[in-house]
Amino acid sequence: MAMLNFNRPADYLDAAREMAKTGRPTLARLLAEEAADRTADTTEADRIRAEFNANSLRQED
């Protein structure tokens, strides 16, 4: 089994798209949020969040 590395926002975004494609919208949204958080460009981060437009499931303090 190949080991996946999550070093870049694109890695999280690729995984999010794969999860969405395989019927895992909750995991897709969480991965997309992580990709957006790791993206320096706020316009791009907003675009990522809009692509996965379900409500956030994160629990923030």
N, C-alpha and C. Protein backbone atom coordinates (compact mmCIF):
# COMPACT_ATOMS: atom_id res chain seq x y z
N MET A 1 0.84 -1.17 0.00
CA MET A 1 0.00 0.00 0.00
C MET A 1 0.89 1.24 0.00
N ALA A 2 0.57 2.19 -0.86
CA ALA A 2 1.36 3.42 -0.97
C ALA A 2 1.03 4.35 0.20
N MET A 3 2.05 5.01 0.69
CA MET A 3 1.87 5.95 1.79
C MET A 3 1.59 7.33 1.20
N LEU A 4 0.52 7.95 1.64
CA LEU A 4 0.18 9.29 1.17
C LEU A 4 0.85 10.33 2.04
N ASN A 5 1.35 11.37 1.42
CA ASN A 5 1.94 12.49 2.14
C ASN A 5 1.04 13.70 1.99
N PHE A 6 0.79 14.37 3.07
CA PHE A 6 0.00 15.58 3.06
C PHE A 6 0.90 16.73 3.46
N ASN A 7 1.63 17.26 2.48
CA ASN A 7 2.57 18.34 2.73
C ASN A 7 2.12 19.67 2.15
N ARG A 8 1.17 19.63 1.23
CA ARG A 8 0.75 20.84 0.52
C ARG A 8 -0.77 20.94 0.56
N PRO A 9 -1.30 22.16 0.42
CA PRO A 9 -2.75 22.30 0.35
C PRO A 9 -3.35 21.44 -0.76
N ALA A 10 -2.64 21.32 -1.87
CA ALA A 10 -3.15 20.52 -3.00
C ALA A 10 -3.33 19.06 -2.61
N ASP A 11 -2.50 18.54 -1.71
CA ASP A 11 -2.65 17.15 -1.25
C ASP A 11 -3.98 16.97 -0.53
N TYR A 12 -4.32 17.92 0.33
CA TYR A 12 -5.59 17.87 1.04
C TYR A 12 -6.76 18.03 0.08
N LEU A 13 -6.60 18.92 -0.89
CA LEU A 13 -7.67 19.16 -1.85
C LEU A 13 -7.90 17.94 -2.74
N ASP A 14 -6.83 17.30 -3.17
CA ASP A 14 -6.97 16.07 -3.96
C ASP A 14 -7.71 15.00 -3.16
N ALA A 15 -7.34 14.86 -1.90
CA ALA A 15 -8.01 13.88 -1.05
C ALA A 15 -9.48 14.25 -0.84
N ALA A 16 -9.76 15.53 -0.69
CA ALA A 16 -11.14 15.98 -0.51
C ALA A 16 -11.99 15.63 -1.73
N ARG A 17 -11.43 15.86 -2.89
CA ARG A 17 -12.17 15.53 -4.12
C ARG A 17 -12.41 14.03 -4.24
N GLU A 18 -11.42 13.25 -3.85
CA GLU A 18 -11.57 11.79 -3.89
C GLU A 18 -12.66 11.34 -2.91
N MET A 19 -12.67 11.92 -1.72
CA MET A 19 -13.69 11.56 -0.74
C MET A 19 -15.08 11.96 -1.23
N ALA A 20 -15.20 13.11 -1.85
CA ALA A 20 -16.49 13.54 -2.39
C ALA A 20 -16.96 12.59 -3.49
N LYS A 21 -16.03 12.20 -4.33
CA LYS A 21 -16.35 11.30 -5.44
C LYS A 21 -16.81 9.94 -4.96
N THR A 22 -16.31 9.50 -3.82
CA THR A 22 -16.65 8.18 -3.30
C THR A 22 -17.75 8.23 -2.23
N GLY A 23 -18.46 9.36 -2.18
CA GLY A 23 -19.63 9.44 -1.30
C GLY A 23 -19.33 9.71 0.17
N ARG A 24 -18.26 10.41 0.45
CA ARG A 24 -17.90 10.74 1.84
C ARG A 24 -17.85 12.27 2.00
N PRO A 25 -19.00 12.92 1.95
CA PRO A 25 -19.02 14.38 1.96
C PRO A 25 -18.49 15.02 3.23
N THR A 26 -18.69 14.38 4.36
CA THR A 26 -18.21 14.95 5.62
C THR A 26 -16.69 14.99 5.64
N LEU A 27 -16.07 13.89 5.30
CA LEU A 27 -14.60 13.85 5.24
C LEU A 27 -14.08 14.79 4.16
N ALA A 28 -14.78 14.86 3.04
CA ALA A 28 -14.38 15.77 1.96
C ALA A 28 -14.37 17.20 2.46
N ARG A 29 -15.39 17.60 3.19
CA ARG A 29 -15.47 18.97 3.69
C ARG A 29 -14.34 19.25 4.68
N LEU A 30 -14.06 18.33 5.57
CA LEU A 30 -12.99 18.54 6.55
C LEU A 30 -11.63 18.67 5.86
N LEU A 31 -11.37 17.83 4.87
CA LEU A 31 -10.12 17.91 4.13
C LEU A 31 -10.03 19.22 3.34
N ALA A 32 -11.15 19.65 2.77
CA ALA A 32 -11.16 20.91 2.02
C ALA A 32 -10.91 22.09 2.96
N GLU A 33 -11.48 22.05 4.15
CA GLU A 33 -11.22 23.13 5.11
C GLU A 33 -9.75 23.18 5.48
N GLU A 34 -9.13 22.03 5.64
CA GLU A 34 -7.70 21.99 5.96
C GLU A 34 -6.89 22.55 4.79
N ALA A 35 -7.27 22.20 3.57
CA ALA A 35 -6.59 22.74 2.39
C ALA A 35 -6.72 24.26 2.36
N ALA A 36 -7.91 24.76 2.62
CA ALA A 36 -8.14 26.21 2.63
C ALA A 36 -7.32 26.89 3.72
N ASP A 37 -7.27 26.29 4.89
CA ASP A 37 -6.49 26.87 5.99
C ASP A 37 -5.01 26.95 5.66
N ARG A 38 -4.52 26.03 4.85
CA ARG A 38 -3.10 25.98 4.51
C ARG A 38 -2.77 26.78 3.25
N THR A 39 -3.78 27.44 2.68
CA THR A 39 -3.61 28.23 1.47
C THR A 39 -3.42 29.69 1.85
N ALA A 40 -2.30 30.27 1.42
CA ALA A 40 -1.98 31.65 1.78
C ALA A 40 -2.89 32.66 1.07
N ASP A 41 -3.29 32.38 -0.13
CA ASP A 41 -4.12 33.27 -0.93
C ASP A 41 -5.57 33.16 -0.45
N THR A 42 -6.10 34.22 0.13
CA THR A 42 -7.45 34.16 0.70
C THR A 42 -8.52 33.96 -0.37
N THR A 43 -8.31 34.47 -1.57
CA THR A 43 -9.27 34.26 -2.65
C THR A 43 -9.34 32.79 -3.02
N GLU A 44 -8.18 32.15 -3.10
CA GLU A 44 -8.13 30.71 -3.41
C GLU A 44 -8.74 29.91 -2.26
N ALA A 45 -8.47 30.29 -1.03
CA ALA A 45 -9.05 29.59 0.12
C ALA A 45 -10.57 29.68 0.09
N ASP A 46 -11.10 30.85 -0.24
CA ASP A 46 -12.55 31.01 -0.36
C ASP A 46 -13.11 30.13 -1.48
N ARG A 47 -12.39 30.03 -2.59
CA ARG A 47 -12.82 29.20 -3.70
C ARG A 47 -12.88 27.73 -3.29
N ILE A 48 -11.88 27.30 -2.53
CA ILE A 48 -11.86 25.91 -2.06
C ILE A 48 -13.06 25.64 -1.16
N ARG A 49 -13.31 26.55 -0.23
CA ARG A 49 -14.46 26.37 0.67
C ARG A 49 -15.78 26.36 -0.10
N ALA A 50 -15.88 27.19 -1.14
CA ALA A 50 -17.11 27.25 -1.94
C ALA A 50 -17.31 25.96 -2.73
N GLU A 51 -16.22 25.34 -3.15
CA GLU A 51 -16.33 24.08 -3.90
C GLU A 51 -16.96 22.99 -3.03
N PHE A 52 -16.69 23.05 -1.75
CA PHE A 52 -17.23 22.08 -0.78
C PHE A 52 -18.13 22.86 0.16
N ASN A 53 -19.29 23.29 -0.33
CA ASN A 53 -20.10 24.29 0.33
C ASN A 53 -21.01 23.79 1.45
N ALA A 54 -20.86 22.57 1.90
CA ALA A 54 -21.65 22.12 3.05
C ALA A 54 -21.22 22.92 4.28
N ASN A 55 -22.06 22.95 5.27
CA ASN A 55 -21.71 23.66 6.50
C ASN A 55 -20.49 23.04 7.14
N SER A 56 -19.71 23.87 7.79
CA SER A 56 -18.50 23.38 8.46
C SER A 56 -18.88 22.44 9.59
N LEU A 57 -18.08 21.41 9.75
CA LEU A 57 -18.31 20.43 10.81
C LEU A 57 -17.25 20.52 11.90
N ARG A 58 -16.35 21.49 11.77
CA ARG A 58 -15.30 21.64 12.76
C ARG A 58 -15.84 22.14 14.08
N GLN A 59 -15.21 21.72 15.13
CA GLN A 59 -15.53 22.20 16.46
C GLN A 59 -14.40 23.11 16.90
N GLU A 60 -14.68 24.38 16.98
CA GLU A 60 -13.69 25.37 17.37
C GLU A 60 -13.92 25.78 18.81
N ASP A 61 -12.84 26.05 19.52
CA ASP A 61 -12.97 26.52 20.91
C ASP A 61 -13.27 27.99 20.96
